[in-house]
C-alpha atoms as a PDB file:
ATOM      1  CA  MET A   1     196.473  45.620 -78.947  1.00  0.00           C
ATOM      2  CA  SER A   2     195.857  44.134 -82.355  1.00  0.00           C
ATOM      3  CA  MET A   3     192.634  46.132 -82.611  1.00  0.00           C
ATOM      4  CA  MET A   4     194.533  49.377 -81.975  1.00  0.00           C
ATOM      5  CA  LYS A   5     197.052  48.515 -84.672  1.00  0.00           C
ATOM      6  CA  SER A   6     194.256  47.845 -87.111  1.00  0.00           C
ATOM      7  CA  ALA A   7     192.588  51.144 -86.251  1.00  0.00           C
ATOM      8  CA  LEU A   8     195.849  53.077 -86.694  1.00  0.00           C
ATOM      9  CA  PHE A   9     196.490  51.345 -90.011  1.00  0.00           C
ATOM     10  CA  CYS A  10     193.041  52.305 -91.283  1.00  0.00           C
ATOM     11  CA  LEU A  11     193.580  55.911 -90.177  1.00  0.00           C
ATOM     12  CA  VAL A  12     196.905  56.093 -92.046  1.00  0.00           C
ATOM     13  CA  LEU A  13     195.281  54.722 -95.197  1.00  0.00           C
ATOM     14  CA  LEU A  14     192.476  57.285 -94.951  1.00  0.00           C
ATOM     15  CA  ILE A  15     194.927  60.201 -94.584  1.00  0.00           C
ATOM     16  CA  ALA A  16     197.002  58.937 -97.511  1.00  0.00           C
ATOM     17  CA  ALA A  17     193.904  58.685 -99.676  1.00  0.00           C
ATOM     18  CA  VAL A  18     192.883  62.268 -98.874  1.00  0.00           C
ATOM     19  CA  TYR A  19     196.327  63.666 -99.750  1.00  0.00           C
ATOM     20  CA  ALA A  20     196.468  61.580-102.901  1.00  0.00           C
ATOM     21  CA  ASP A  21     193.166  63.046-104.155  1.00  0.00           C
ATOM     22  CA  GLU A  22     194.147  66.702-103.648  1.00  0.00           C
ATOM     23  CA  PRO A  23     196.788  66.948-106.433  1.00  0.00           C
ATOM     24  CA  ALA A  24     194.445  65.249-108.881  1.00  0.00           C
ATOM     25  CA  ALA A  25     191.782  67.853-108.158  1.00  0.00           C
ATOM     26  CA  ASP A  26     194.308  70.664-108.652  1.00  0.00           C
ATOM     27  CA  ALA A  27     195.453  69.170-111.941  1.00  0.00           C
ATOM     28  CA  GLU A  28     191.874  68.921-113.167  1.00  0.00           C
ATOM     29  CA  VAL A  29     191.181  72.544-112.319  1.00  0.00           C
ATOM     30  CA  LYS A  30     194.328  73.657-114.125  1.00  0.00           C
ATOM     31  CA  THR A  31     193.439  71.625-117.190  1.00  0.00           C
ATOM     32  CA  THR A  32     189.944  73.082-117.300  1.00  0.00           C
ATOM     33  CA  ALA A  33     191.305  76.595-116.845  1.00  0.00           C
ATOM     34  CA  THR A  34     193.768  76.064-119.679  1.00  0.00           C
ATOM     35  CA  LYS A  35     191.017  74.921-122.043  1.00  0.00           C
ATOM     36  CA  THR A  36     188.739  77.876-121.345  1.00  0.00           C
ATOM     37  CA  PHE A  37     191.438  80.559-121.217  1.00  0.00           C
ATOM     38  CA  VAL A  38     191.181  83.049-124.089  1.00  0.00           C
ATOM     39  CA  VAL A  39     194.412  84.579-125.328  1.00  0.00           C
ATOM     40  CA  GLY A  40     194.391  88.331-125.917  1.00  0.00           C
ATOM     41  CA  PRO A  41     196.132  90.346-128.632  1.00  0.00           C
ATOM     42  CA  SER A  42     199.779  90.057-129.573  1.00  0.00           C
ATOM     43  CA  PRO A  43     201.963  93.080-128.772  1.00  0.00           C
ATOM     44  CA  HIS A  44     203.450  92.802-132.271  1.00  0.00           C
ATOM     45  CA  VAL A  45     200.129  93.370-134.064  1.00  0.00           C
ATOM     46  CA  SER A  46     198.140  96.572-134.563  1.00  0.00           C
ATOM     47  CA  VAL A  47     194.623  96.717-135.988  1.00  0.00           C
ATOM     48  CA  TYR A  48     192.070  99.305-137.093  1.00  0.00           C
ATOM     49  CA  SER A  49     188.579  99.310-138.646  1.00  0.00           C
ATOM     50  CA  ILE A  50     186.583 101.202-141.248  1.00  0.00           C
ATOM     51  CA  PHE A  51     183.087 100.965-142.732  1.00  0.00           C
ATOM     52  CA  PRO A  52     183.728 101.480-146.467  1.00  0.00           C
ATOM     53  CA  LYS A  53     180.160 101.295-147.771  1.00  0.00           C
ATOM     54  CA  ASN A  54     178.962 104.668-146.473  1.00  0.00           C
ATOM     55  CA  ASN A  55     182.189 106.607-145.844  1.00  0.00           C
ATOM     56  CA  ASN A  56     182.604 105.261-142.317  1.00  0.00           C
ATOM     57  CA  ASN A  57     179.116 106.414-141.361  1.00  0.00           C
ATOM     58  CA  LYS A  58     177.872 104.089-138.622  1.00  0.00           C
ATOM     59  CA  THR A  59     174.160 104.318-139.497  1.00  0.00           C
ATOM     60  CA  PHE A  60     172.633 101.338-141.295  1.00  0.00           C
ATOM     61  CA  HIS A  61     169.264  99.954-142.353  1.00  0.00           C
ATOM     62  CA  LEU A  62     167.962  96.808-140.706  1.00  0.00           C
ATOM     63  CA  GLY A  63     168.385  93.683-142.795  1.00  0.00           C
ATOM     64  CA  GLU A  64     170.925  95.164-145.220  1.00  0.00           C
ATOM     65  CA  ARG A  65     174.459  93.923-145.751  1.00  0.00           C
ATOM     66  CA  ILE A  66     177.057  95.611-143.536  1.00  0.00           C
ATOM     67  CA  ASP A  67     180.724  95.671-144.567  1.00  0.00           C
ATOM     68  CA  ILE A  68     183.558  96.347-142.152  1.00  0.00           C
ATOM     69  CA  VAL A  69     187.262  96.304-143.026  1.00  0.00           C
ATOM     70  CA  CYS A  70     189.874  95.101-140.548  1.00  0.00           C
ATOM     71  CA  GLY A  71     193.329  96.558-141.039  1.00  0.00           C
ATOM     72  CA  PHE A  72     195.993  94.128-139.764  1.00  0.00           C
ATOM     73  CA  ALA A  73     199.661  95.137-139.409  1.00  0.00           C
ATOM     74  CA  ASN A  74     202.418  92.711-138.407  1.00  0.00           C
ATOM     75  CA  ASN A  75     205.010  94.802-136.576  1.00  0.00           C
ATOM     76  CA  GLY A  76     207.057  91.838-135.355  1.00  0.00           C
ATOM     77  CA  ASP A  77     209.814  89.678-136.777  1.00  0.00           C
ATOM     78  CA  GLU A  78     207.780  86.500-137.294  1.00  0.00           C
ATOM     79  CA  ALA A  79     204.814  85.741-139.509  1.00  0.00           C
ATOM     80  CA  PHE A  80     201.224  85.552-138.276  1.00  0.00           C
ATOM     81  CA  ASN A  81     198.372  83.523-139.728  1.00  0.00           C
ATOM     82  CA  VAL A  82     194.974  85.262-139.713  1.00  0.00           C
ATOM     83  CA  THR A  83     192.461  82.451-139.167  1.00  0.00           C
ATOM     84  CA  GLY A  84     189.104  84.235-139.056  1.00  0.00           C
ATOM     85  CA  VAL A  85     186.898  87.213-138.239  1.00  0.00           C
ATOM     86  CA  THR A  86     183.598  87.374-136.392  1.00  0.00           C
ATOM     87  CA  ALA A  87     181.286  89.999-134.880  1.00  0.00           C
ATOM     88  CA  SER A  88     178.543  90.265-132.276  1.00  0.00           C
ATOM     89  CA  LEU A  89     175.701  92.681-131.674  1.00  0.00           C
ATOM     90  CA  LEU A  90     175.474  93.799-128.035  1.00  0.00           C
ATOM     91  CA  TRP A  91     172.949  95.545-125.819  1.00  0.00           C
ATOM     92  CA  PRO A  92     174.257  99.132-125.554  1.00  0.00           C
ATOM     93  CA  TYR A  93     173.430  99.470-121.843  1.00  0.00           C
ATOM     94  CA  ASP A  94     175.037  96.157-120.883  1.00  0.00           C
ATOM     95  CA  LEU A  95     177.776  94.960-123.231  1.00  0.00           C
ATOM     96  CA  SER A  96     177.740  91.513-121.622  1.00  0.00           C
ATOM     97  CA  VAL A  97     174.311  90.855-123.184  1.00  0.00           C
ATOM     98  CA  TYR A  98     174.599  89.442-126.716  1.00  0.00           C
ATOM     99  CA  ILE A  99     171.739  90.280-129.083  1.00  0.00           C
ATOM    100  CA  GLN A 100     173.001  88.511-132.214  1.00  0.00           C
ATOM    101  CA  ASN A 101     176.166  86.557-133.041  1.00  0.00           C
ATOM    102  CA  PHE A 102     177.271  86.671-136.657  1.00  0.00           C
ATOM    103  CA  THR A 103     178.916  83.833-138.565  1.00  0.00           C
ATOM    104  CA  ARG A 104     182.658  83.452-138.229  1.00  0.00           C
ATOM    105  CA  GLN A 105     184.382  83.854-141.585  1.00  0.00           C
ATOM    106  CA  PRO A 106     187.585  81.799-142.078  1.00  0.00           C
ATOM    107  CA  TYR A 107     190.511  83.361-143.976  1.00  0.00           C
ATOM    108  CA  ASN A 108     193.841  81.592-143.266  1.00  0.00           C
ATOM    109  CA  ILE A 109     195.956  84.491-144.556  1.00  0.00           C
ATOM    110  CA  GLU A 110     199.662  84.508-143.742  1.00  0.00           C
ATOM    111  CA  VAL A 111     200.991  87.958-142.862  1.00  0.00           C
ATOM    112  CA  GLN A 112     204.742  88.346-143.132  1.00  0.00           C
ATOM    113  CA  PRO A 113     206.824  90.584-140.799  1.00  0.00           C
ATOM    114  CA  LYS A 114     206.328  94.300-141.459  1.00  0.00           C
ATOM    115  CA  GLU A 115     203.404  93.487-143.761  1.00  0.00           C
ATOM    116  CA  HIS A 116     199.985  95.139-143.677  1.00  0.00           C
ATOM    117  CA  ILE A 117     196.747  93.649-145.038  1.00  0.00           C
ATOM    118  CA  SER A 118     193.055  94.618-145.178  1.00  0.00           C
ATOM    119  CA  ILE A 119     190.338  92.046-144.485  1.00  0.00           C
ATOM    120  CA  LEU A 120     186.720  92.576-145.550  1.00  0.00           C
ATOM    121  CA  TYR A 121     184.061  91.077-143.284  1.00  0.00           C
ATOM    122  CA  SER A 122     180.330  91.201-144.155  1.00  0.00           C
ATOM    123  CA  PHE A 123     177.279  90.375-142.063  1.00  0.00           C
ATOM    124  CA  TRP A 124     173.509  90.855-142.081  1.00  0.00           C
ATOM    125  CA  THR A 125     171.333  91.926-139.170  1.00  0.00           C
ATOM    126  CA  ASP A 126     167.887  90.612-138.366  1.00  0.00           C
ATOM    127  CA  PRO A 127     165.357  92.823-140.250  1.00  0.00           C
ATOM    128  CA  LEU A 128     162.776  92.308-137.474  1.00  0.00           C
ATOM    129  CA  MET A 129     164.884  94.016-134.811  1.00  0.00           C
ATOM    130  CA  GLU A 130     163.866  97.320-133.315  1.00  0.00           C
ATOM    131  CA  PRO A 131     165.526 100.313-135.009  1.00  0.00           C
ATOM    132  CA  ARG A 132     167.805 101.831-132.379  1.00  0.00           C
ATOM    133  CA  ASP A 133     171.442 102.003-131.211  1.00  0.00           C
ATOM    134  CA  PHE A 134     173.359  98.771-130.587  1.00  0.00           C
ATOM    135  CA  GLY A 135     176.874  97.885-129.531  1.00  0.00           C
ATOM    136  CA  LEU A 136     179.096  96.084-132.044  1.00  0.00           C
ATOM    137  CA  ALA A 137     182.189  94.058-131.194  1.00  0.00           C
ATOM    138  CA  ALA A 138     184.281  92.730-134.115  1.00  0.00           C
ATOM    139  CA  ARG A 139     187.225  90.398-133.513  1.00  0.00           C
ATOM    140  CA  VAL A 140     190.058  89.021-135.617  1.00  0.00           C
ATOM    141  CA  TYR A 141     191.638  85.662-134.743  1.00  0.00           C
ATOM    142  CA  TYR A 142     195.237  84.849-135.630  1.00  0.00           C
ATOM    143  CA  SER A 143     198.052  82.535-134.586  1.00  0.00           C
ATOM    144  CA  GLN A 144     201.838  82.275-134.638  1.00  0.00           C
ATOM    145  CA  ASP A 145     204.222  79.331-134.535  1.00  0.00           C
ATOM    146  CA  GLY A 146     207.347  79.114-132.388  1.00  0.00           C
ATOM    147  CA  GLU A 147     208.171  79.347-128.697  1.00  0.00           C
ATOM    148  CA  ASN A 148     206.436  82.692-128.231  1.00  0.00           C
ATOM    149  CA  GLY A 149     203.577  81.789-130.547  1.00  0.00           C
ATOM    150  CA  GLY A 150     200.020  80.759-129.808  1.00  0.00           C
ATOM    151  CA  ASN A 151     196.451  81.761-130.589  1.00  0.00           C
ATOM    152  CA  PHE A 152     195.510  85.436-130.341  1.00  0.00           C
ATOM    153  CA  THR A 153     192.294  87.442-130.389  1.00  0.00           C
ATOM    154  CA  HIS A 154     192.152  91.128-131.241  1.00  0.00           C
ATOM    155  CA  VAL A 155     189.056  93.357-131.010  1.00  0.00           C
ATOM    156  CA  PHE A 156     189.394  95.711-133.976  1.00  0.00           C
ATOM    157  CA  TYR A 157     186.052  97.479-133.466  1.00  0.00           C
ATOM    158  CA  ASN A 158     184.153  98.038-130.232  1.00  0.00           C
ATOM    159  CA  GLY A 159     181.599 100.810-130.436  1.00  0.00           C
ATOM    160  CA  THR A 160     178.020 101.841-131.130  1.00  0.00           C
ATOM    161  CA  ILE A 161     176.201 101.659-134.454  1.00  0.00           C
ATOM    162  CA  VAL A 162     172.735 102.968-135.324  1.00  0.00           C
ATOM    163  CA  PHE A 163     170.025 100.986-137.116  1.00  0.00           C
ATOM    164  CA  GLU A 164     167.110 102.537-138.996  1.00  0.00           C
ATOM    165  CA  GLU A 165     164.077 100.989-140.656  1.00  0.00           C
ATOM    166  CA  ALA A 166     164.699  99.524-144.076  1.00  0.00           C
ATOM    167  CA  GLU A 167     163.910 101.806-147.031  1.00  0.00           C
ATOM    168  CA  SER A 168     161.868  99.098-148.703  1.00  0.00           C
ATOM    169  CA  SER A 169     159.420  98.996-145.792  1.00  0.00           C
ATOM    170  CA  ASP A 170     157.660 102.151-147.074  1.00  0.00           C
ATOM    171  CA  TYR A 171     157.281 100.657-150.545  1.00  0.00           C
ATOM    172  CA  GLN A 172     156.010  97.413-149.073  1.00  0.00           C
ATOM    173  CA  MET A 173     153.410  99.300-147.069  1.00  0.00           C
ATOM    174  CA  VAL A 174     152.233 101.206-150.145  1.00  0.00           C
ATOM    175  CA  PHE A 175     152.052  97.978-152.135  1.00  0.00           C
ATOM    176  CA  THR A 176     150.018  96.387-149.331  1.00  0.00           C
ATOM    177  CA  TYR A 177     147.532  99.269-149.354  1.00  0.00           C
ATOM    178  CA  ILE A 178     147.193  99.065-153.139  1.00  0.00           C
ATOM    179  CA  ALA A 179     146.607  95.318-152.966  1.00  0.00           C
ATOM    180  CA  LEU A 180     143.930  95.778-150.286  1.00  0.00           C
ATOM    181  CA  LEU A 181     142.182  98.477-152.317  1.00  0.00           C
ATOM    182  CA  ALA A 182     142.270  96.300-155.437  1.00  0.00           C
ATOM    183  CA  ALA A 183     140.837  93.332-153.542  1.00  0.00           C
ATOM    184  CA  THR A 184     138.089  95.507-152.037  1.00  0.00           C
ATOM    185  CA  GLY A 185     137.204  96.930-155.463  1.00  0.00           C
ATOM    186  CA  LEU A 186     137.075  93.456-157.002  1.00  0.00           C
ATOM    187  CA  ILE A 187     134.761  92.163-154.288  1.00  0.00           C
ATOM    188  CA  GLY A 188     132.510  95.213-154.662  1.00  0.00           C
ATOM    189  CA  TYR A 189     132.395  94.760-158.445  1.00  0.00           C
ATOM    190  CA  VAL A 190     131.381  91.097-158.132  1.00  0.00           C
ATOM    191  CA  LEU A 191     128.663  91.885-155.585  1.00  0.00           C
ATOM    192  CA  PHE A 192     127.341  94.730-157.748  1.00  0.00           C
ATOM    193  CA  ASN A 193     127.121  92.472-160.816  1.00  0.00           C
ATOM    194  CA  GLN A 194     125.306  89.789-158.860  1.00  0.00           C
ATOM    195  CA  ALA A 195     122.794  92.296-157.500  1.00  0.00           C
ATOM    196  CA  THR A 196     122.228  93.778-160.985  1.00  0.00           C
ATOM    197  CA  ASN A 197     121.667  90.377-162.594  1.00  0.00           C
ATOM    198  CA  LEU A 198     119.219  89.379-159.866  1.00  0.00           C
ATOM    199  CA  GLY A 199     117.231  92.602-160.347  1.00  0.00           C
ATOM    200  CA  ASN A 200     117.065  92.107-164.127  1.00  0.00           C
ATOM    201  CA  LYS A 201     115.704  88.571-163.722  1.00  0.00           C
ATOM    202  CA  LYS A 202     112.918  89.751-161.403  1.00  0.00           C
ATOM    203  CA  THR A 203     111.973  92.570-163.802  1.00  0.00           C
ATOM    204  CA  LYS A 204     111.733  90.240-166.809  1.00  0.00           C
ATOM    205  CA  LYS A 205     109.599  87.758-164.894  1.00  0.00           C
ATOM    206  CA  THR A 206     107.151  90.437-163.762  1.00  0.00           C
ATOM    207  CA  LYS A 207     106.797  91.890-167.271  1.00  0.00           C
ATOM    208  CA  THR A 208     105.967  88.491-168.779  1.00  0.00           C
ATOM    209  CA  GLU A 209     103.202  87.824-166.253  1.00  0.00           C
ATOM    210  CA  ARG A 210     101.615  91.243-166.795  1.00  0.00           C
ATOM    211  CA  GLY A 211     101.673  90.820-170.567  1.00  0.00           C
ATOM    212  CA  THR A 212      99.810  87.491-170.320  1.00  0.00           C
ATOM    213  CA  GLU A 213      97.141  88.937-168.063  1.00  0.00           C
ATOM    214  CA  GLY A 214      96.726  91.972-170.307  1.00  0.00           C
ATOM    215  CA  SER A 215      96.194  89.884-173.461  1.00  0.00           C
ATOM    216  CA  THR A 216      93.600  87.748-171.685  1.00  0.00           C
ATOM    217  CA  ILE A 217      91.665  90.777-170.521  1.00  0.00           C
ATOM    218  CA  SER A 218      91.793  92.344-173.996  1.00  0.00           C
ATOM    219  CA  GLU A 219      90.359  89.207-175.585  1.00  0.00           C
ATOM    220  CA  GLU A 220      87.501  89.217-173.068  1.00  0.00           C
ATOM    221  CA  TRP A 221      86.542  92.744-174.099  1.00  0.00           C
ATOM    222  CA  LEU A 222      86.475  91.703-177.783  1.00  0.00           C
ATOM    223  CA  GLU A 223      84.057  88.813-177.305  1.00  0.00           C
ATOM    224  CA  GLY A 224      80.930  89.182-179.419  1.00  0.00           C
ATOM    225  CA  THR A 225      82.361  91.927-181.575  1.00  0.00           C
ATOM    226  CA  ALA A 226      83.595  91.893-185.121  1.00  0.00           C
ATOM    227  CA  ALA A 227      87.153  92.095-183.812  1.00  0.00           C
ATOM    228  CA  ASP A 228      86.765  88.970-181.722  1.00  0.00           C
ATOM    229  CA  PRO A 229      89.550  86.610-182.837  1.00  0.00           C
ATOM    230  CA  ASN A 230      87.343  83.654-181.928  1.00  0.00           C
ATOM    231  CA  ARG A 231      84.468  84.861-184.070  1.00  0.00           C
ATOM    232  CA  GLY A 232      83.276  82.219-186.521  1.00  0.00           C
ATOM    233  CA  LYS A 233      84.996  79.491-184.537  1.00  0.00           C
ATOM    234  CA  SER A 234      82.621  77.027-182.943  1.00  0.00           C
ATOM    235  CA  PRO A 235      84.119  74.219-180.930  1.00  0.00           C
ATOM    236  CA  ASN A 236      81.010  72.031-181.458  1.00  0.00           C
ATOM    237  CA  LYS A 237      80.167  72.981-185.047  1.00  0.00           C
ATOM    238  CA  LYS A 238      77.797  70.423-186.629  1.00  0.00           C
ATOM    239  CA  ARG A 239      78.350  69.060-190.092  1.00  0.00           C
ATOM    240  CA  PRO A 240      75.505  69.801-192.594  1.00  0.00           C
ATOM    241  CA  THR A 241      73.163  66.878-193.174  1.00  0.00           C
ATOM    242  CA  SER A 242      72.510  65.654-196.681  1.00  0.00           C
ATOM    243  CA  PRO A 243      68.965  65.990-198.298  1.00  0.00           C
ATOM    244  CA  ALA A 244      68.629  62.211-198.427  1.00  0.00           C
ATOM    245  CA  LYS A 245      68.979  61.919-194.697  1.00  0.00           C
ATOM    246  CA  GLU A 246      66.453  64.703-194.179  1.00  0.00           C
ATOM    247  CA  ARG A 247      63.880  62.839-196.322  1.00  0.00           C
ATOM    248  CA  GLN A 248      64.450  59.694-194.349  1.00  0.00           C
ATOM    249  CA  ASN A 249      63.829  61.568-191.180  1.00  0.00           C
END
């Protein structure tokens, strides 16, 4: 009997533990969902966009600075605080694929009721990207105090922009070709000078040897003649003996 009571007591404790854990799990899920939930736009705000640099033309060169203006209008009765603007480059065939995220620019501009402001946001694309069409999503972040306030996110541009090769790439290519031609010409000039100097040295050496041989041969032909330069020169010429020595002999 006591064993059955113990078993029932353990079963009751187990059931109580299971039911006690369930609300905690629900609370954790709700907390996580609250942290990751992104607030959308406020119904009291209207936005628009414009590219001022090239008369709203959406064609740009890779690597250059791109300016986009966000028009922000507060149509409500309470002030909003614009906290920042950011943009992302997207794959045009799948807008969930992010190609490049640009730096978020903080502003902290207070917009009063019925007030309209313009916000300039600038970013630079990677110059090594392939020139083609890309999707661009630009967002403005703002907040409002009070019971109906909170944090809001508004997409003020969501469309396609076109990227072309940078204009400077042609000049860089020409400069590269010129540098290669100059380097090739310099190397050829150095090699030509070395070959010329080597040929001159060989020519001078050969001429000197031939001149020596020629002078030797010429002197051999003059031996025994009046033009012989060695005529009258005797290597073993005897000194004349005095008359006294001749008498003694």
